[in-house]
Amino acid sequence: MSVTAARGFVANGLSCNIKASGAADLALVASESGAAYVAAGTFTTNKAAAAPVQVSRAHLQTSGGRAGAVILNSGCANAATGAAGLAAARQTCAALGARLGLDPSHVLVCSTGLIGDQLPLDRLLSGLDDLVEGRRASRDGAAAAARAIMTTDTHEKEVVVEADGFVVGAMAKGAGMIAPNMATMLAVLTTDAACVAEELAAALRGAVAVTFNELTVDGCTSTNDTVLALSSGLGARPAPGALGEAMTEVCGALAMALAEDAEGTTRVARIIVRGASSNEDARRAARRVAESNLVKTSLYGADPYWGRILSELGSSGADFELERAEIAYGGIVACRGGAEAAHDRSEAAAHLSGRVVEITCDLGLGVGEAAVLTCDLGHGYIDENMRTS
């Protein structure tokens, strides 16, 4: 049931004809009681942040971390749209708030789609009555919301984790333009855990840091990336660390779903760097490998060409000594001491032919470690992105 799995939430999704295809493009996640719940958010680091990002940030600050509804549209990013775009985002919040009995500052807004297009506000507003009237605390309500936020996604992305006395449910969208920090993607998490705003915000930041922020599809950071969390407080108070653990599990599953559904992907790769001088050095090196087009095309061809990886490690800016480096494909060491190691290349290639693969790089310099999730780069990605989409 994803976003309606936790007690106290309703959801809905429908078409208001923002998309020319007529596919679902307007979603709602809201409190069942009409109250404003504890809320938190993390947003894109892109300085060209879209209007809905700017408005939602401001609303969370004004409200002191409370929200009673999230409205999301697909088919138009409402990014790089100037004063008109900001006004449209604010009017969306005001119009929905009026229908739900919420102050506009207790409404959060998200958009995804093409950059530069003005949001067709009249169409969006025309769908609000049906969106609100059809909201429900059911599986199909959650599924309708998850379907309405998709753009180039091939399927809905929903996750539920049941913890000790509370539930965390979530939905997300994203298939391209995904890179740290925040890996366009949108996600809404709901929980009934009893917590205050500071606790929810800390749990969300921690979860995002080790999941979405360690995912890169194409090295492009969107203008609209947003992850929001709301808590009804109707469940148990989590034990110390339990809320963060549950939210990390949810975000980790969603991050994997985003990688597996990336535009044109045929396989997902986890790049692990160990033995670095520091965790930050390990992260720097892992991201360099994960975002290398040469490495990603090797992944597409299931070609265990370790030389490309070695080159990226050496140019990553992390501390590096050639004679200490080791590279392995699924545990098969192909490079040791900065040179080729005796190994069965066909066995390494067989590992790279899988749907999910693992590449481990040991720098031999310390105890720093990091992992980044990425995917291959093939014709499908180019076919999708060689024109406006």
Protein backbone atom coordinates (compact mmCIF):
# COMPACT_ATOMS: atom_id res chain seq x y z
CA MET A 1 0.00 0.00 0.00
CA SER A 2 3.07 2.26 0.04
CA VAL A 3 2.04 5.80 1.06
CA THR A 4 -1.26 4.64 2.58
CA ALA A 5 0.28 1.75 4.53
CA ALA A 6 0.98 3.92 7.58
CA ARG A 7 -2.06 4.92 9.63
CA GLY A 8 -3.54 8.32 8.96
CA PHE A 9 -2.87 8.79 5.23
CA VAL A 10 -4.96 8.95 2.07
CA ALA A 11 -3.88 9.23 -1.56
CA ASN A 12 -5.14 9.56 -5.11
CA GLY A 13 -3.95 10.06 -8.66
CA LEU A 14 -5.62 10.99 -11.93
CA SER A 15 -5.23 12.79 -15.25
CA CYS A 16 -5.80 16.52 -15.57
CA ASN A 17 -4.38 16.54 -19.12
CA ILE A 18 -1.01 18.09 -18.38
CA LYS A 19 0.37 15.19 -20.41
CA ALA A 20 -0.74 15.25 -24.03
CA SER A 21 -1.15 11.47 -23.88
CA GLY A 22 -3.91 11.75 -21.31
CA ALA A 23 -1.97 9.54 -18.88
CA ALA A 24 -2.27 10.14 -15.15
CA ASP A 25 -0.34 13.26 -14.16
CA LEU A 26 -1.66 14.60 -10.83
CA ALA A 27 -1.14 12.94 -7.45
CA LEU A 28 -2.08 13.64 -3.84
CA VAL A 29 -0.82 12.29 -0.53
CA ALA A 30 -2.61 13.81 2.45
CA SER A 31 -3.50 13.39 6.10
CA GLU A 32 -6.72 11.45 6.58
CA SER A 33 -7.92 13.72 9.39
CA GLY A 34 -7.15 16.99 7.65
CA ALA A 35 -4.57 17.89 10.29
CA ALA A 36 -1.05 19.09 9.58
CA TYR A 37 1.45 16.37 10.47
CA VAL A 38 5.15 16.47 11.33
CA ALA A 39 7.05 16.82 8.04
CA ALA A 40 10.58 17.07 6.65
CA GLY A 41 12.25 17.33 3.26
CA THR A 42 15.52 17.17 1.38
CA PHE A 43 15.95 18.94 -1.93
CA THR A 44 18.18 19.25 -4.95
CA THR A 45 21.50 21.08 -4.56
CA ASN A 46 21.10 22.47 -8.08
CA LYS A 47 21.15 26.30 -7.90
CA ALA A 48 18.61 26.37 -10.73
CA ALA A 49 16.03 24.87 -8.38
CA ALA A 50 12.51 24.66 -9.78
CA ALA A 51 9.61 26.74 -8.46
CA PRO A 52 8.02 23.86 -6.49
CA VAL A 53 11.34 23.17 -4.76
CA GLN A 54 11.60 26.82 -3.72
CA VAL A 55 8.00 26.89 -2.47
CA SER A 56 8.17 23.60 -0.55
CA ARG A 57 11.42 24.62 1.12
CA ALA A 58 9.84 27.90 2.21
CA HIS A 59 6.68 26.20 3.48
CA LEU A 60 8.61 23.73 5.64
CA GLN A 61 10.55 26.61 7.13
CA THR A 62 7.47 28.76 7.71
CA SER A 63 5.47 25.92 9.26
CA GLY A 64 8.27 24.71 11.48
CA GLY A 65 8.19 21.29 9.83
CA ARG A 66 4.49 20.56 9.45
CA ALA A 67 2.40 19.59 6.42
CA GLY A 68 -0.99 18.05 5.77
CA ALA A 69 -0.73 17.36 2.05
CA VAL A 70 1.66 16.88 -0.84
CA ILE A 71 0.51 17.54 -4.39
CA LEU A 72 2.64 16.32 -7.27
CA ASN A 73 2.29 16.73 -11.00
CA SER A 74 4.15 15.05 -13.85
CA GLY A 75 4.47 16.23 -17.43
CA CYS A 76 5.82 19.68 -16.55
CA ALA A 77 8.74 20.46 -14.24
CA ASN A 78 7.73 24.10 -13.66
CA ALA A 79 11.47 24.83 -13.71
CA ALA A 80 13.13 27.90 -15.24
CA THR A 81 9.69 29.50 -15.41
CA GLY A 82 10.39 32.75 -13.55
CA ALA A 83 7.83 34.66 -11.49
CA ALA A 84 4.93 32.97 -13.28
CA GLY A 85 6.19 29.55 -12.22
CA LEU A 86 6.53 30.59 -8.58
CA ALA A 87 3.04 32.05 -8.66
CA ALA A 88 1.66 28.82 -10.15
CA ALA A 89 3.27 26.69 -7.43
CA ARG A 90 1.91 28.98 -4.72
CA GLN A 91 -1.57 29.04 -6.25
CA THR A 92 -1.54 25.25 -6.40
CA CYS A 93 -0.85 25.08 -2.67
CA ALA A 94 -3.50 27.69 -1.87
CA ALA A 95 -6.16 26.02 -3.99
CA LEU A 96 -5.53 22.57 -2.54
CA GLY A 97 -5.32 23.99 0.98
CA ALA A 98 -8.71 25.65 0.57
CA ARG A 99 -10.26 22.32 -0.41
CA LEU A 100 -8.66 20.45 2.49
CA GLY A 101 -8.99 23.13 5.16
CA LEU A 102 -5.23 23.60 5.36
CA ASP A 103 -3.16 26.75 5.47
CA PRO A 104 -1.20 27.04 2.19
CA SER A 105 2.05 26.75 4.16
CA HIS A 106 0.92 23.26 5.21
CA VAL A 107 0.80 22.11 1.59
CA LEU A 108 3.97 20.90 -0.20
CA VAL A 109 4.26 20.81 -3.97
CA CYS A 110 6.38 18.79 -6.42
CA SER A 111 6.64 18.78 -10.21
CA THR A 112 8.49 16.68 -12.77
CA GLY A 113 8.76 16.83 -16.53
CA LEU A 114 10.24 19.18 -19.11
CA ILE A 115 12.29 22.18 -17.98
CA GLY A 116 11.25 25.59 -19.31
CA ASP A 117 7.56 24.90 -19.95
CA GLN A 118 5.05 26.98 -18.02
CA LEU A 119 2.77 24.89 -15.82
CA PRO A 120 -0.76 24.73 -17.33
CA LEU A 121 -2.30 25.87 -14.05
CA ASP A 122 -5.87 25.93 -15.34
CA ARG A 123 -5.68 22.23 -16.19
CA LEU A 124 -4.13 21.37 -12.84
CA LEU A 125 -6.74 23.33 -10.90
CA SER A 126 -9.53 21.72 -12.91
CA GLY A 127 -8.48 18.33 -11.53
CA LEU A 128 -8.39 19.29 -7.85
CA ASP A 129 -12.02 18.57 -6.97
CA ASP A 130 -11.88 15.00 -8.30
CA LEU A 131 -8.42 14.52 -6.81
CA VAL A 132 -9.62 15.52 -3.34
CA GLU A 133 -12.98 13.75 -3.50
CA GLY A 134 -11.35 10.51 -4.64
CA ARG A 135 -8.64 10.36 -1.95
CA ARG A 136 -8.68 7.12 -0.02
CA ALA A 137 -6.70 5.10 2.51
CA SER A 138 -6.39 2.06 0.29
CA ARG A 139 -3.96 0.15 -1.87
CA ASP A 140 -5.48 1.45 -5.06
CA GLY A 141 -5.28 5.05 -3.82
CA ALA A 142 -1.55 4.66 -3.22
CA ALA A 143 -1.05 2.93 -6.57
CA ALA A 144 -2.93 5.69 -8.39
CA ALA A 145 -0.67 8.32 -6.81
CA ALA A 146 2.50 6.37 -7.66
CA ARG A 147 1.34 5.95 -11.26
CA ALA A 148 0.53 9.65 -11.67
CA ILE A 149 4.07 10.83 -10.88
CA MET A 150 5.79 8.72 -13.55
CA THR A 151 7.48 10.29 -16.58
CA THR A 152 9.89 7.98 -18.44
CA ASP A 153 9.51 5.37 -15.67
CA THR A 154 8.30 2.01 -16.92
CA HIS A 155 6.46 1.10 -13.72
CA GLU A 156 5.39 2.41 -10.32
CA LYS A 157 7.98 2.37 -7.53
CA GLU A 158 6.50 1.60 -4.11
CA VAL A 159 7.96 0.20 -0.89
CA VAL A 160 6.61 -0.63 2.59
CA VAL A 161 8.63 -1.53 5.69
CA GLU A 162 6.91 -2.72 8.86
CA ALA A 163 8.96 -1.94 11.96
CA ASP A 164 8.34 -2.47 15.67
CA GLY A 165 5.06 -0.66 16.25
CA PHE A 166 5.19 1.61 13.23
CA VAL A 167 5.22 1.51 9.42
CA VAL A 168 7.11 3.42 6.75
CA GLY A 169 5.68 3.48 3.23
CA ALA A 170 6.94 5.34 0.18
CA MET A 171 6.60 5.98 -3.52
CA ALA A 172 9.15 7.42 -5.93
CA LYS A 173 9.73 8.24 -9.57
CA GLY A 174 12.89 8.65 -11.57
CA ALA A 175 14.64 7.09 -14.53
CA GLY A 176 17.11 9.69 -15.74
CA MET A 177 18.78 12.96 -14.73
CA ILE A 178 19.82 11.35 -11.45
CA ALA A 179 23.07 12.16 -9.66
CA PRO A 180 24.30 13.06 -6.20
CA ASN A 181 23.38 15.04 -4.36
CA MET A 182 19.89 13.62 -4.51
CA ALA A 183 19.54 11.06 -6.77
CA THR A 184 14.67 14.08 -12.20
CA MET A 185 13.62 12.08 -8.88
CA LEU A 186 10.75 12.59 -6.47
CA ALA A 187 9.88 10.54 -3.41
CA VAL A 188 7.25 10.77 -0.68
CA LEU A 189 7.62 8.80 2.54
CA THR A 190 4.83 8.38 5.08
CA THR A 191 5.03 6.91 8.56
CA ASP A 192 2.89 6.61 11.66
CA ALA A 193 5.91 6.64 13.97
CA ALA A 194 5.46 8.98 16.92
CA CYS A 195 8.21 11.56 16.54
CA VAL A 196 8.89 15.29 16.50
CA ALA A 197 9.97 17.28 13.47
CA GLU A 198 13.64 17.29 14.39
CA GLU A 199 13.68 13.50 14.73
CA LEU A 200 11.93 12.99 11.40
CA ALA A 201 14.27 15.42 9.64
CA ALA A 202 17.38 13.75 11.09
CA ALA A 203 16.14 10.28 10.12
CA LEU A 204 15.36 11.46 6.58
CA ARG A 205 18.72 13.20 6.12
CA GLY A 206 20.56 10.10 7.31
CA ALA A 207 18.56 7.80 5.05
CA VAL A 208 19.01 9.98 1.96
CA ALA A 209 22.74 10.37 2.57
CA VAL A 210 23.46 6.65 2.21
CA THR A 211 20.89 5.79 -0.46
CA PHE A 212 19.72 8.41 -2.95
CA ASN A 213 22.91 10.42 -2.49
CA GLU A 214 24.95 7.33 -3.40
CA LEU A 215 23.08 6.77 -6.64
CA THR A 216 24.14 8.11 -10.03
CA VAL A 217 22.52 7.24 -13.34
CA ASP A 218 23.96 9.87 -15.67
CA GLY A 219 25.83 12.39 -13.51
CA CYS A 220 23.12 15.03 -14.06
CA THR A 221 21.56 16.68 -11.00
CA SER A 222 17.94 17.64 -11.61
CA THR A 223 16.32 20.99 -10.90
CA ASN A 224 13.41 19.27 -9.14
CA ASP A 225 14.82 16.51 -6.91
CA THR A 226 12.72 16.28 -3.75
CA VAL A 227 12.27 13.71 -0.98
CA LEU A 228 9.51 14.46 1.52
CA ALA A 229 8.49 12.65 4.69
CA LEU A 230 5.32 13.02 6.77
CA SER A 231 4.48 11.37 10.08
CA SER A 232 0.97 11.01 11.50
CA GLY A 233 2.27 10.00 14.95
CA LEU A 234 -0.49 7.39 15.29
CA GLY A 235 1.91 4.51 15.87
CA ALA A 236 4.48 3.64 18.51
CA ARG A 237 7.44 5.78 19.44
CA PRO A 238 10.46 4.14 17.77
CA ALA A 239 13.41 2.88 19.76
CA PRO A 240 16.56 4.98 19.30
CA GLY A 241 17.77 4.64 15.72
CA ALA A 242 14.80 2.52 14.62
CA LEU A 243 13.11 5.21 12.54
CA GLY A 244 16.33 5.99 10.70
CA GLU A 245 16.91 2.29 10.04
CA ALA A 246 13.41 1.80 8.61
CA MET A 247 13.64 4.91 6.45
CA THR A 248 17.07 3.86 5.21
CA GLU A 249 15.67 0.46 4.24
CA VAL A 250 12.82 2.13 2.34
CA CYS A 251 15.07 4.65 0.57
CA GLY A 252 17.62 1.94 -0.25
CA ALA A 253 14.96 -0.18 -1.94
CA LEU A 254 13.70 2.82 -3.88
CA ALA A 255 17.23 3.77 -4.95
CA MET A 256 17.74 0.27 -6.33
CA ALA A 257 14.40 0.49 -8.12
CA LEU A 258 15.45 3.80 -9.68
CA ALA A 259 18.74 2.29 -10.87
CA GLU A 260 17.05 -0.80 -12.30
CA ASP A 261 14.54 1.35 -14.20
CA ALA A 262 17.07 3.90 -15.47
CA GLU A 263 16.58 4.94 -19.08
CA GLY A 264 17.99 2.26 -21.37
CA THR A 265 19.72 0.30 -18.62
CA THR A 266 20.44 -3.41 -18.93
CA ARG A 267 22.30 -3.86 -15.64
CA VAL A 268 22.95 -2.18 -12.30
CA ALA A 269 26.43 -1.97 -10.76
CA ARG A 270 27.51 -1.37 -7.19
CA ILE A 271 30.94 0.27 -7.18
CA ILE A 272 32.71 -0.36 -3.87
CA VAL A 273 35.94 1.38 -2.95
CA ARG A 274 37.90 0.14 0.09
CA GLY A 275 41.29 0.85 1.56
CA ALA A 276 41.08 4.59 0.89
CA SER A 277 42.78 7.24 3.02
CA SER A 278 39.34 8.41 4.18
CA ASN A 279 35.67 7.74 3.59
CA GLU A 280 35.47 10.95 1.56
CA ASP A 281 38.33 9.80 -0.66
CA ALA A 282 36.58 6.46 -1.11
CA ARG A 283 33.36 8.24 -2.08
CA ARG A 284 35.20 10.50 -4.50
CA ALA A 285 36.88 7.55 -6.21
CA ALA A 286 33.71 5.45 -6.34
CA ARG A 287 31.71 8.26 -7.92
CA ARG A 288 34.42 8.87 -10.50
CA VAL A 289 34.28 5.24 -11.58
CA ALA A 290 30.47 5.13 -11.45
CA GLU A 291 30.06 8.23 -13.64
CA SER A 292 32.72 7.32 -16.23
CA ASN A 293 31.15 6.86 -19.65
CA LEU A 294 33.95 4.49 -20.58
CA VAL A 295 33.28 2.30 -17.54
CA LYS A 296 29.53 2.45 -18.11
CA THR A 297 29.85 1.39 -21.76
CA SER A 298 32.09 -1.48 -20.66
CA LEU A 299 29.28 -2.50 -18.31
CA TYR A 300 26.83 -2.42 -21.21
CA GLY A 301 29.12 -4.73 -23.17
CA ALA A 302 29.82 -6.96 -20.13
CA ASP A 303 33.51 -6.30 -20.83
CA PRO A 304 35.78 -6.64 -17.75
CA TYR A 305 38.20 -3.99 -18.99
CA TRP A 306 39.79 -3.14 -15.64
CA GLY A 307 42.15 -0.60 -17.24
CA ARG A 308 39.34 1.93 -17.55
CA ILE A 309 38.55 1.59 -13.86
CA LEU A 310 42.19 1.93 -12.87
CA SER A 311 42.48 5.10 -14.92
CA GLU A 312 39.43 6.66 -13.26
CA LEU A 313 40.72 5.80 -9.80
CA GLY A 314 44.01 7.49 -10.58
CA SER A 315 42.34 10.66 -11.86
CA SER A 316 39.62 10.88 -9.21
CA GLY A 317 41.49 13.23 -6.89
CA ALA A 318 41.60 10.63 -4.13
CA ASP A 319 44.94 9.56 -2.67
CA PHE A 320 46.25 6.87 -5.00
CA GLU A 321 49.37 4.74 -5.41
CA LEU A 322 49.38 2.60 -8.53
CA GLU A 323 51.30 -0.33 -7.04
CA ARG A 324 48.73 -0.73 -4.24
CA ALA A 325 45.55 -0.79 -6.33
CA GLU A 326 43.40 -3.91 -6.72
CA ILE A 327 40.22 -4.34 -8.81
CA ALA A 328 37.78 -7.25 -8.70
CA TYR A 329 34.60 -8.19 -10.57
CA GLY A 330 32.28 -10.09 -8.26
CA GLY A 331 35.26 -11.26 -6.22
CA ILE A 332 37.35 -12.17 -9.28
CA VAL A 333 40.57 -10.13 -8.97
CA ALA A 334 41.54 -8.80 -12.40
CA CYS A 335 44.13 -6.23 -11.31
CA ARG A 336 46.59 -6.41 -8.42
CA GLY A 337 49.47 -4.07 -7.65
CA GLY A 338 48.43 -1.78 -10.49
CA ALA A 339 48.87 -4.52 -13.12
CA GLU A 340 46.83 -7.36 -14.54
CA ALA A 341 46.40 -10.32 -12.21
CA ALA A 342 46.07 -13.88 -13.41
CA HIS A 343 42.34 -14.52 -13.71
CA ASP A 344 39.69 -16.18 -15.85
CA ARG A 345 38.45 -13.34 -18.02
CA SER A 346 35.43 -15.32 -19.20
CA GLU A 347 34.38 -15.83 -15.57
CA ALA A 348 34.64 -12.09 -14.93
CA ALA A 349 32.63 -11.40 -18.09
CA ALA A 350 29.99 -13.88 -16.94
CA HIS A 351 29.61 -11.91 -13.71
CA LEU A 352 29.23 -8.67 -15.68
CA SER A 353 26.49 -10.28 -17.77
CA GLY A 354 24.20 -10.41 -14.74
CA ARG A 355 21.40 -7.97 -13.99
CA VAL A 356 23.13 -6.74 -10.80
CA VAL A 357 26.94 -6.69 -10.67
CA GLU A 358 29.61 -5.67 -8.20
CA ILE A 359 32.99 -4.06 -8.80
CA THR A 360 35.34 -3.73 -5.83
CA CYS A 361 38.37 -1.46 -5.82
CA ASP A 362 40.90 -1.64 -2.99
CA LEU A 363 43.29 1.32 -2.85
CA GLY A 364 45.45 -0.26 -0.14
CA LEU A 365 46.02 3.01 1.69
CA GLY A 366 43.74 3.04 4.72
CA VAL A 367 40.33 2.09 6.07
CA GLY A 368 38.11 4.48 4.10
CA GLU A 369 35.19 2.82 2.36
CA ALA A 370 32.20 3.87 0.23
CA ALA A 371 29.76 2.41 -2.27
CA VAL A 372 27.93 4.04 -5.17
CA LEU A 373 25.08 2.56 -7.18
CA THR A 374 25.08 3.12 -10.94
CA CYS A 375 24.04 1.49 -14.20
CA ASP A 376 25.37 0.86 -17.67
CA LEU A 377 25.19 3.21 -20.64
CA GLY A 378 23.85 1.90 -23.92
CA HIS A 379 21.80 2.76 -26.97
CA GLY A 380 18.55 2.95 -25.01
CA TYR A 381 19.70 5.96 -22.98
CA ILE A 382 20.77 7.80 -26.13
CA ASP A 383 17.51 6.96 -27.92
CA GLU A 384 15.55 8.42 -24.99
CA ASN A 385 17.62 11.58 -24.54
CA MET A 386 18.79 12.60 -28.00
CA ARG A 387 15.63 14.70 -28.27
CA THR A 388 13.59 16.74 -25.79
CA SER A 389 12.01 14.34 -23.33
